[in-house]
Amino acid sequence: ADSELRGRARVSTGAQRPAAGHMGDG
């Protein structure tokens, strides 16, 4: 919704995998 970013940015959501050796959700 930010007018300053409109047309200048592609925005998406996702999940980042936990680092090696770490348990739990990303």
mmCIF file of all heavy atoms, coordinates in Angstrom:
data_MODEL
# 
_entry.id   MODEL 
# 
loop_
_atom_site.group_PDB 
_atom_site.id 
_atom_site.type_symbol 
_atom_site.label_atom_id 
_atom_site.label_alt_id 
_atom_site.label_comp_id 
_atom_site.label_asym_id 
_atom_site.label_entity_id 
_atom_site.label_seq_id 
_atom_site.pdbx_PDB_ins_code 
_atom_site.Cartn_x 
_atom_site.Cartn_y 
_atom_site.Cartn_z 
_atom_site.occupancy 
_atom_site.B_iso_or_equiv 
_atom_site.pdbx_formal_charge 
_atom_site.auth_seq_id 
_atom_site.auth_comp_id 
_atom_site.auth_asym_id 
_atom_site.auth_atom_id 
_atom_site.pdbx_PDB_model_num 
ATOM 1   N N   . ALA A 1 1  ? 0.810  -1.218  0.000  1.00 0.00 ? 1  ALA A N   1 
ATOM 2   C CA  . ALA A 1 1  ? 0.000  0.000   0.000  1.00 0.00 ? 1  ALA A CA  1 
ATOM 3   C C   . ALA A 1 1  ? 0.845  1.272   0.000  1.00 0.00 ? 1  ALA A C   1 
ATOM 4   O O   . ALA A 1 1  ? 0.318  2.366   -0.222 1.00 0.00 ? 1  ALA A O   1 
ATOM 5   C CB  . ALA A 1 1  ? -0.926 -0.003  1.218  1.00 0.00 ? 1  ALA A CB  1 
ATOM 6   N N   . ASP A 1 2  ? 2.149  1.155   0.222  1.00 0.00 ? 2  ASP A N   1 
ATOM 7   C CA  . ASP A 1 2  ? 3.020  2.325   0.313  1.00 0.00 ? 2  ASP A CA  1 
ATOM 8   C C   . ASP A 1 2  ? 3.241  2.945   -1.063 1.00 0.00 ? 2  ASP A C   1 
ATOM 9   O O   . ASP A 1 2  ? 3.773  2.299   -1.965 1.00 0.00 ? 2  ASP A O   1 
ATOM 10  C CB  . ASP A 1 2  ? 4.357  1.921   0.943  1.00 0.00 ? 2  ASP A CB  1 
ATOM 11  C CG  . ASP A 1 2  ? 5.227  3.111   1.266  1.00 0.00 ? 2  ASP A CG  1 
ATOM 12  O OD1 . ASP A 1 2  ? 5.753  3.730   0.316  1.00 0.00 ? 2  ASP A OD1 1 
ATOM 13  O OD2 . ASP A 1 2  ? 5.374  3.429   2.451  1.00 0.00 ? 2  ASP A OD2 1 
ATOM 14  N N   . SER A 1 3  ? 2.852  4.191   -1.213 1.00 0.00 ? 3  SER A N   1 
ATOM 15  C CA  . SER A 1 3  ? 2.955  4.859   -2.517 1.00 0.00 ? 3  SER A CA  1 
ATOM 16  C C   . SER A 1 3  ? 4.406  5.049   -2.961 1.00 0.00 ? 3  SER A C   1 
ATOM 17  O O   . SER A 1 3  ? 4.689  5.076   -4.157 1.00 0.00 ? 3  SER A O   1 
ATOM 18  C CB  . SER A 1 3  ? 2.229  6.201   -2.484 1.00 0.00 ? 3  SER A CB  1 
ATOM 19  O OG  . SER A 1 3  ? 2.823  7.061   -1.535 1.00 0.00 ? 3  SER A OG  1 
ATOM 20  N N   . GLU A 1 4  ? 5.341  5.189   -2.019 1.00 0.00 ? 4  GLU A N   1 
ATOM 21  C CA  . GLU A 1 4  ? 6.754  5.369   -2.369 1.00 0.00 ? 4  GLU A CA  1 
ATOM 22  C C   . GLU A 1 4  ? 7.365  4.096   -2.963 1.00 0.00 ? 4  GLU A C   1 
ATOM 23  O O   . GLU A 1 4  ? 8.333  4.166   -3.715 1.00 0.00 ? 4  GLU A O   1 
ATOM 24  C CB  . GLU A 1 4  ? 7.564  5.786   -1.137 1.00 0.00 ? 4  GLU A CB  1 
ATOM 25  C CG  . GLU A 1 4  ? 7.228  7.154   -0.615 1.00 0.00 ? 4  GLU A CG  1 
ATOM 26  C CD  . GLU A 1 4  ? 7.696  8.262   -1.560 1.00 0.00 ? 4  GLU A CD  1 
ATOM 27  O OE1 . GLU A 1 4  ? 8.801  8.141   -2.118 1.00 0.00 ? 4  GLU A OE1 1 
ATOM 28  O OE2 . GLU A 1 4  ? 6.940  9.224   -1.733 1.00 0.00 ? 4  GLU A OE2 1 
ATOM 29  N N   . LEU A 1 5  ? 6.805  2.941   -2.625 1.00 0.00 ? 5  LEU A N   1 
ATOM 30  C CA  . LEU A 1 5  ? 7.343  1.672   -3.117 1.00 0.00 ? 5  LEU A CA  1 
ATOM 31  C C   . LEU A 1 5  ? 6.595  1.155   -4.340 1.00 0.00 ? 5  LEU A C   1 
ATOM 32  O O   . LEU A 1 5  ? 7.110  0.287   -5.051 1.00 0.00 ? 5  LEU A O   1 
ATOM 33  C CB  . LEU A 1 5  ? 7.302  0.613   -2.015 1.00 0.00 ? 5  LEU A CB  1 
ATOM 34  C CG  . LEU A 1 5  ? 8.257  0.846   -0.854 1.00 0.00 ? 5  LEU A CG  1 
ATOM 35  C CD1 . LEU A 1 5  ? 8.015  -0.169  0.249  1.00 0.00 ? 5  LEU A CD1 1 
ATOM 36  C CD2 . LEU A 1 5  ? 9.702  0.786   -1.323 1.00 0.00 ? 5  LEU A CD2 1 
ATOM 37  N N   . ARG A 1 6  ? 5.398  1.670   -4.576 1.00 0.00 ? 6  ARG A N   1 
ATOM 38  C CA  . ARG A 1 6  ? 4.582  1.185   -5.686 1.00 0.00 ? 6  ARG A CA  1 
ATOM 39  C C   . ARG A 1 6  ? 5.352  1.314   -6.996 1.00 0.00 ? 6  ARG A C   1 
ATOM 40  O O   . ARG A 1 6  ? 5.874  2.356   -7.341 1.00 0.00 ? 6  ARG A O   1 
ATOM 41  C CB  . ARG A 1 6  ? 3.274  1.973   -5.764 1.00 0.00 ? 6  ARG A CB  1 
ATOM 42  C CG  . ARG A 1 6  ? 2.241  1.284   -6.620 1.00 0.00 ? 6  ARG A CG  1 
ATOM 43  C CD  . ARG A 1 6  ? 0.859  1.883   -6.444 1.00 0.00 ? 6  ARG A CD  1 
ATOM 44  N NE  . ARG A 1 6  ? 0.380  1.672   -5.080 1.00 0.00 ? 6  ARG A NE  1 
ATOM 45  C CZ  . ARG A 1 6  ? -0.026 2.653   -4.281 1.00 0.00 ? 6  ARG A CZ  1 
ATOM 46  N NH1 . ARG A 1 6  ? -0.036 3.898   -4.678 1.00 0.00 ? 6  ARG A NH1 1 
ATOM 47  N NH2 . ARG A 1 6  ? -0.457 2.382   -3.070 1.00 0.00 ? 6  ARG A NH2 1 
ATOM 48  N N   . GLY A 1 7  ? 5.472  0.210   -7.707 1.00 0.00 ? 7  GLY A N   1 
ATOM 49  C CA  . GLY A 1 7  ? 6.183  0.180   -8.974 1.00 0.00 ? 7  GLY A CA  1 
ATOM 50  C C   . GLY A 1 7  ? 7.693  0.031   -8.836 1.00 0.00 ? 7  GLY A C   1 
ATOM 51  O O   . GLY A 1 7  ? 8.393  -0.156  -9.826 1.00 0.00 ? 7  GLY A O   1 
ATOM 52  N N   . ARG A 1 8  ? 8.203  0.118   -7.613 1.00 0.00 ? 8  ARG A N   1 
ATOM 53  C CA  . ARG A 1 8  ? 9.650  0.006   -7.386 1.00 0.00 ? 8  ARG A CA  1 
ATOM 54  C C   . ARG A 1 8  ? 10.031 -1.272  -6.648 1.00 0.00 ? 8  ARG A C   1 
ATOM 55  O O   . ARG A 1 8  ? 11.211 -1.553  -6.484 1.00 0.00 ? 8  ARG A O   1 
ATOM 56  C CB  . ARG A 1 8  ? 10.144 1.173   -6.537 1.00 0.00 ? 8  ARG A CB  1 
ATOM 57  C CG  . ARG A 1 8  ? 10.021 2.505   -7.183 1.00 0.00 ? 8  ARG A CG  1 
ATOM 58  C CD  . ARG A 1 8  ? 10.625 3.513   -6.255 1.00 0.00 ? 8  ARG A CD  1 
ATOM 59  N NE  . ARG A 1 8  ? 10.504 4.860   -6.774 1.00 0.00 ? 8  ARG A NE  1 
ATOM 60  C CZ  . ARG A 1 8  ? 10.888 5.920   -6.119 1.00 0.00 ? 8  ARG A CZ  1 
ATOM 61  N NH1 . ARG A 1 8  ? 11.417 5.808   -4.924 1.00 0.00 ? 8  ARG A NH1 1 
ATOM 62  N NH2 . ARG A 1 8  ? 10.745 7.116   -6.645 1.00 0.00 ? 8  ARG A NH2 1 
ATOM 63  N N   . ALA A 1 9  ? 9.027  -2.010  -6.139 1.00 0.00 ? 9  ALA A N   1 
ATOM 64  C CA  . ALA A 1 9  ? 9.334  -3.182  -5.322 1.00 0.00 ? 9  ALA A CA  1 
ATOM 65  C C   . ALA A 1 9  ? 8.368  -4.321  -5.614 1.00 0.00 ? 9  ALA A C   1 
ATOM 66  O O   . ALA A 1 9  ? 7.190  -4.100  -5.869 1.00 0.00 ? 9  ALA A O   1 
ATOM 67  C CB  . ALA A 1 9  ? 9.255  -2.826  -3.838 1.00 0.00 ? 9  ALA A CB  1 
ATOM 68  N N   . ARG A 1 10 ? 8.899  -5.533  -5.558 1.00 0.00 ? 10 ARG A N   1 
ATOM 69  C CA  . ARG A 1 10 ? 8.075  -6.738  -5.627 1.00 0.00 ? 10 ARG A CA  1 
ATOM 70  C C   . ARG A 1 10 ? 8.146  -7.366  -4.238 1.00 0.00 ? 10 ARG A C   1 
ATOM 71  O O   . ARG A 1 10 ? 9.228  -7.664  -3.728 1.00 0.00 ? 10 ARG A O   1 
ATOM 72  C CB  . ARG A 1 10 ? 8.627  -7.685  -6.691 1.00 0.00 ? 10 ARG A CB  1 
ATOM 73  C CG  . ARG A 1 10 ? 7.692  -8.845  -6.981 1.00 0.00 ? 10 ARG A CG  1 
ATOM 74  C CD  . ARG A 1 10 ? 8.165  -9.688  -8.148 1.00 0.00 ? 10 ARG A CD  1 
ATOM 75  N NE  . ARG A 1 10 ? 9.413  -10.382 -7.812 1.00 0.00 ? 10 ARG A NE  1 
ATOM 76  C CZ  . ARG A 1 10 ? 10.530 -10.294 -8.514 1.00 0.00 ? 10 ARG A CZ  1 
ATOM 77  N NH1 . ARG A 1 10 ? 10.600 -9.546  -9.583 1.00 0.00 ? 10 ARG A NH1 1 
ATOM 78  N NH2 . ARG A 1 10 ? 11.612 -10.956 -8.140 1.00 0.00 ? 10 ARG A NH2 1 
ATOM 79  N N   . VAL A 1 11 ? 6.984  -7.531  -3.611 1.00 0.00 ? 11 VAL A N   1 
ATOM 80  C CA  . VAL A 1 11 ? 6.912  -7.976  -2.217 1.00 0.00 ? 11 VAL A CA  1 
ATOM 81  C C   . VAL A 1 11 ? 6.225  -9.336  -2.158 1.00 0.00 ? 11 VAL A C   1 
ATOM 82  O O   . VAL A 1 11 ? 5.199  -9.545  -2.799 1.00 0.00 ? 11 VAL A O   1 
ATOM 83  C CB  . VAL A 1 11 ? 6.112  -6.954  -1.365 1.00 0.00 ? 11 VAL A CB  1 
ATOM 84  C CG1 . VAL A 1 11 ? 6.068  -7.383  0.092  1.00 0.00 ? 11 VAL A CG1 1 
ATOM 85  C CG2 . VAL A 1 11 ? 6.681  -5.550  -1.512 1.00 0.00 ? 11 VAL A CG2 1 
ATOM 86  N N   . SER A 1 12 ? 6.803  -10.266 -1.386 1.00 0.00 ? 12 SER A N   1 
ATOM 87  C CA  . SER A 1 12 ? 6.179  -11.569 -1.188 1.00 0.00 ? 12 SER A CA  1 
ATOM 88  C C   . SER A 1 12 ? 6.503  -12.074 0.214  1.00 0.00 ? 12 SER A C   1 
ATOM 89  O O   . SER A 1 12 ? 7.435  -11.600 0.855  1.00 0.00 ? 12 SER A O   1 
ATOM 90  C CB  . SER A 1 12 ? 6.671  -12.568 -2.238 1.00 0.00 ? 12 SER A CB  1 
ATOM 91  O OG  . SER A 1 12 ? 8.066  -12.746 -2.142 1.00 0.00 ? 12 SER A OG  1 
ATOM 92  N N   . THR A 1 13 ? 5.707  -13.022 0.689  1.00 0.00 ? 13 THR A N   1 
ATOM 93  C CA  . THR A 1 13 ? 5.965  -13.635 1.992  1.00 0.00 ? 13 THR A CA  1 
ATOM 94  C C   . THR A 1 13 ? 6.436  -15.068 1.766  1.00 0.00 ? 13 THR A C   1 
ATOM 95  O O   . THR A 1 13 ? 6.204  -15.660 0.719  1.00 0.00 ? 13 THR A O   1 
ATOM 96  C CB  . THR A 1 13 ? 4.708  -13.647 2.889  1.00 0.00 ? 13 THR A CB  1 
ATOM 97  O OG1 . THR A 1 13 ? 3.667  -14.352 2.214  1.00 0.00 ? 13 THR A OG1 1 
ATOM 98  C CG2 . THR A 1 13 ? 4.250  -12.238 3.205  1.00 0.00 ? 13 THR A CG2 1 
ATOM 99  N N   . GLY A 1 14 ? 7.093  -15.604 2.770  1.00 0.00 ? 14 GLY A N   1 
ATOM 100 C CA  . GLY A 1 14 ? 7.579  -16.973 2.683  1.00 0.00 ? 14 GLY A CA  1 
ATOM 101 C C   . GLY A 1 14 ? 8.104  -17.417 4.032  1.00 0.00 ? 14 GLY A C   1 
ATOM 102 O O   . GLY A 1 14 ? 7.883  -16.764 5.040  1.00 0.00 ? 14 GLY A O   1 
ATOM 103 N N   . ALA A 1 15 ? 8.814  -18.514 4.023  1.00 0.00 ? 15 ALA A N   1 
ATOM 104 C CA  . ALA A 1 15 ? 9.412  -19.036 5.252  1.00 0.00 ? 15 ALA A CA  1 
ATOM 105 C C   . ALA A 1 15 ? 10.892 -19.236 5.023  1.00 0.00 ? 15 ALA A C   1 
ATOM 106 O O   . ALA A 1 15 ? 11.312 -19.647 3.950  1.00 0.00 ? 15 ALA A O   1 
ATOM 107 C CB  . ALA A 1 15 ? 8.757  -20.343 5.668  1.00 0.00 ? 15 ALA A CB  1 
ATOM 108 N N   . GLN A 1 16 ? 11.663 -18.916 6.025  1.00 0.00 ? 16 GLN A N   1 
ATOM 109 C CA  . GLN A 1 16 ? 13.109 -19.112 5.979  1.00 0.00 ? 16 GLN A CA  1 
ATOM 110 C C   . GLN A 1 16 ? 13.414 -20.376 6.769  1.00 0.00 ? 16 GLN A C   1 
ATOM 111 O O   . GLN A 1 16 ? 12.990 -20.517 7.910  1.00 0.00 ? 16 GLN A O   1 
ATOM 112 C CB  . GLN A 1 16 ? 13.794 -17.897 6.607  1.00 0.00 ? 16 GLN A CB  1 
ATOM 113 C CG  . GLN A 1 16 ? 15.284 -17.930 6.562  1.00 0.00 ? 16 GLN A CG  1 
ATOM 114 C CD  . GLN A 1 16 ? 15.864 -16.666 7.164  1.00 0.00 ? 16 GLN A CD  1 
ATOM 115 O OE1 . GLN A 1 16 ? 15.274 -16.051 8.042  1.00 0.00 ? 16 GLN A OE1 1 
ATOM 116 N NE2 . GLN A 1 16 ? 17.023 -16.278 6.686  1.00 0.00 ? 16 GLN A NE2 1 
ATOM 117 N N   . ARG A 1 17 ? 14.136 -21.293 6.166  1.00 0.00 ? 17 ARG A N   1 
ATOM 118 C CA  . ARG A 1 17 ? 14.467 -22.544 6.848  1.00 0.00 ? 17 ARG A CA  1 
ATOM 119 C C   . ARG A 1 17 ? 15.368 -22.256 8.051  1.00 0.00 ? 17 ARG A C   1 
ATOM 120 O O   . ARG A 1 17 ? 16.189 -21.354 8.005  1.00 0.00 ? 17 ARG A O   1 
ATOM 121 C CB  . ARG A 1 17 ? 15.201 -23.477 5.904  1.00 0.00 ? 17 ARG A CB  1 
ATOM 122 C CG  . ARG A 1 17 ? 14.343 -23.999 4.784  1.00 0.00 ? 17 ARG A CG  1 
ATOM 123 C CD  . ARG A 1 17 ? 14.973 -25.294 4.287  1.00 0.00 ? 17 ARG A CD  1 
ATOM 124 N NE  . ARG A 1 17 ? 14.291 -25.864 3.165  1.00 0.00 ? 17 ARG A NE  1 
ATOM 125 C CZ  . ARG A 1 17 ? 13.160 -26.550 3.240  1.00 0.00 ? 17 ARG A CZ  1 
ATOM 126 N NH1 . ARG A 1 17 ? 12.570 -26.711 4.387  1.00 0.00 ? 17 ARG A NH1 1 
ATOM 127 N NH2 . ARG A 1 17 ? 12.616 -27.073 2.167  1.00 0.00 ? 17 ARG A NH2 1 
ATOM 128 N N   . PRO A 1 18 ? 15.213 -23.068 9.122  1.00 0.00 ? 18 PRO A N   1 
ATOM 129 C CA  . PRO A 1 18 ? 16.119 -22.901 10.260 1.00 0.00 ? 18 PRO A CA  1 
ATOM 130 C C   . PRO A 1 18 ? 17.556 -23.224 9.845  1.00 0.00 ? 18 PRO A C   1 
ATOM 131 O O   . PRO A 1 18 ? 17.788 -24.029 8.949  1.00 0.00 ? 18 PRO A O   1 
ATOM 132 C CB  . PRO A 1 18 ? 15.604 -23.904 11.294 1.00 0.00 ? 18 PRO A CB  1 
ATOM 133 C CG  . PRO A 1 18 ? 14.579 -24.728 10.628 1.00 0.00 ? 18 PRO A CG  1 
ATOM 134 C CD  . PRO A 1 18 ? 14.254 -24.126 9.306  1.00 0.00 ? 18 PRO A CD  1 
ATOM 135 N N   . ALA A 1 19 ? 18.491 -22.586 10.502 1.00 0.00 ? 19 ALA A N   1 
ATOM 136 C CA  . ALA A 1 19 ? 19.904 -22.825 10.218 1.00 0.00 ? 19 ALA A CA  1 
ATOM 137 C C   . ALA A 1 19 ? 20.266 -24.261 10.568 1.00 0.00 ? 19 ALA A C   1 
ATOM 138 O O   . ALA A 1 19 ? 19.625 -24.889 11.414 1.00 0.00 ? 19 ALA A O   1 
ATOM 139 C CB  . ALA A 1 19 ? 20.754 -21.847 11.017 1.00 0.00 ? 19 ALA A CB  1 
ATOM 140 N N   . ALA A 1 20 ? 21.297 -24.781 9.943  1.00 0.00 ? 20 ALA A N   1 
ATOM 141 C CA  . ALA A 1 20 ? 21.742 -26.145 10.202 1.00 0.00 ? 20 ALA A CA  1 
ATOM 142 C C   . ALA A 1 20 ? 22.026 -26.317 11.692 1.00 0.00 ? 20 ALA A C   1 
ATOM 143 O O   . ALA A 1 20 ? 22.656 -25.465 12.314 1.00 0.00 ? 20 ALA A O   1 
ATOM 144 C CB  . ALA A 1 20 ? 22.989 -26.441 9.388  1.00 0.00 ? 20 ALA A CB  1 
ATOM 145 N N   . GLY A 1 21 ? 21.523 -27.394 12.249 1.00 0.00 ? 21 GLY A N   1 
ATOM 146 C CA  . GLY A 1 21 ? 21.754 -27.676 13.659 1.00 0.00 ? 21 GLY A CA  1 
ATOM 147 C C   . GLY A 1 21 ? 20.716 -27.073 14.591 1.00 0.00 ? 21 GLY A C   1 
ATOM 148 O O   . GLY A 1 21 ? 20.754 -27.314 15.788 1.00 0.00 ? 21 GLY A O   1 
ATOM 149 N N   . HIS A 1 22 ? 19.789 -26.272 14.053 1.00 0.00 ? 22 HIS A N   1 
ATOM 150 C CA  . HIS A 1 22 ? 18.735 -25.684 14.880 1.00 0.00 ? 22 HIS A CA  1 
ATOM 151 C C   . HIS A 1 22 ? 17.430 -26.429 14.662 1.00 0.00 ? 22 HIS A C   1 
ATOM 152 O O   . HIS A 1 22 ? 17.094 -26.796 13.548 1.00 0.00 ? 22 HIS A O   1 
ATOM 153 C CB  . HIS A 1 22 ? 18.531 -24.208 14.532 1.00 0.00 ? 22 HIS A CB  1 
ATOM 154 C CG  . HIS A 1 22 ? 19.639 -23.344 15.019 1.00 0.00 ? 22 HIS A CG  1 
ATOM 155 N ND1 . HIS A 1 22 ? 20.796 -23.165 14.311 1.00 0.00 ? 22 HIS A ND1 1 
ATOM 156 C CD2 . HIS A 1 22 ? 19.769 -22.628 16.154 1.00 0.00 ? 22 HIS A CD2 1 
ATOM 157 C CE1 . HIS A 1 22 ? 21.599 -22.360 14.981 1.00 0.00 ? 22 HIS A CE1 1 
ATOM 158 N NE2 . HIS A 1 22 ? 21.006 -22.029 16.106 1.00 0.00 ? 22 HIS A NE2 1 
ATOM 159 N N   . MET A 1 23 ? 16.720 -26.635 15.761 1.00 0.00 ? 23 MET A N   1 
ATOM 160 C CA  . MET A 1 23 ? 15.424 -27.289 15.670 1.00 0.00 ? 23 MET A CA  1 
ATOM 161 C C   . MET A 1 23 ? 14.345 -26.223 15.631 1.00 0.00 ? 23 MET A C   1 
ATOM 162 O O   . MET A 1 23 ? 14.575 -25.079 15.943 1.00 0.00 ? 23 MET A O   1 
ATOM 163 C CB  . MET A 1 23 ? 15.222 -28.203 16.885 1.00 0.00 ? 23 MET A CB  1 
ATOM 164 C CG  . MET A 1 23 ? 16.211 -29.333 16.915 1.00 0.00 ? 23 MET A CG  1 
ATOM 165 S SD  . MET A 1 23 ? 16.141 -30.410 18.355 1.00 0.00 ? 23 MET A SD  1 
ATOM 166 C CE  . MET A 1 23 ? 14.582 -30.175 19.076 1.00 0.00 ? 23 MET A CE  1 
ATOM 167 N N   . GLY A 1 24 ? 13.162 -26.617 15.222 1.00 0.00 ? 24 GLY A N   1 
ATOM 168 C CA  . GLY A 1 24 ? 12.034 -25.701 15.249 1.00 0.00 ? 24 GLY A CA  1 
ATOM 169 C C   . GLY A 1 24 ? 11.647 -25.225 13.868 1.00 0.00 ? 24 GLY A C   1 
ATOM 170 O O   . GLY A 1 24 ? 12.268 -25.559 12.860 1.00 0.00 ? 24 GLY A O   1 
ATOM 171 N N   . ASP A 1 25 ? 10.581 -24.458 13.845 1.00 0.00 ? 25 ASP A N   1 
ATOM 172 C CA  . ASP A 1 25 ? 10.048 -23.945 12.593 1.00 0.00 ? 25 ASP A CA  1 
ATOM 173 C C   . ASP A 1 25 ? 10.933 -22.841 12.047 1.00 0.00 ? 25 ASP A C   1 
ATOM 174 O O   . ASP A 1 25 ? 11.625 -22.150 12.782 1.00 0.00 ? 25 ASP A O   1 
ATOM 175 C CB  . ASP A 1 25 ? 8.631  -23.374 12.810 1.00 0.00 ? 25 ASP A CB  1 
ATOM 176 C CG  . ASP A 1 25 ? 7.657  -24.447 13.242 1.00 0.00 ? 25 ASP A CG  1 
ATOM 177 O OD1 . ASP A 1 25 ? 7.868  -25.613 12.877 1.00 0.00 ? 25 ASP A OD1 1 
ATOM 178 O OD2 . ASP A 1 25 ? 6.694  -24.109 13.943 1.00 0.00 ? 25 ASP A OD2 1 
ATOM 179 N N   . GLY A 1 26 ? 10.860 -22.668 10.755 1.00 0.00 ? 26 GLY A N   1 
ATOM 180 C CA  . GLY A 1 26 ? 11.567 -21.567 10.122 1.00 0.00 ? 26 GLY A CA  1 
ATOM 181 C C   . GLY A 1 26 ? 10.883 -20.251 10.443 1.00 0.00 ? 26 GLY A C   1 
ATOM 182 O O   . GLY A 1 26 ? 9.709  -20.208 10.816 1.00 0.00 ? 26 GLY A O   1 
# 
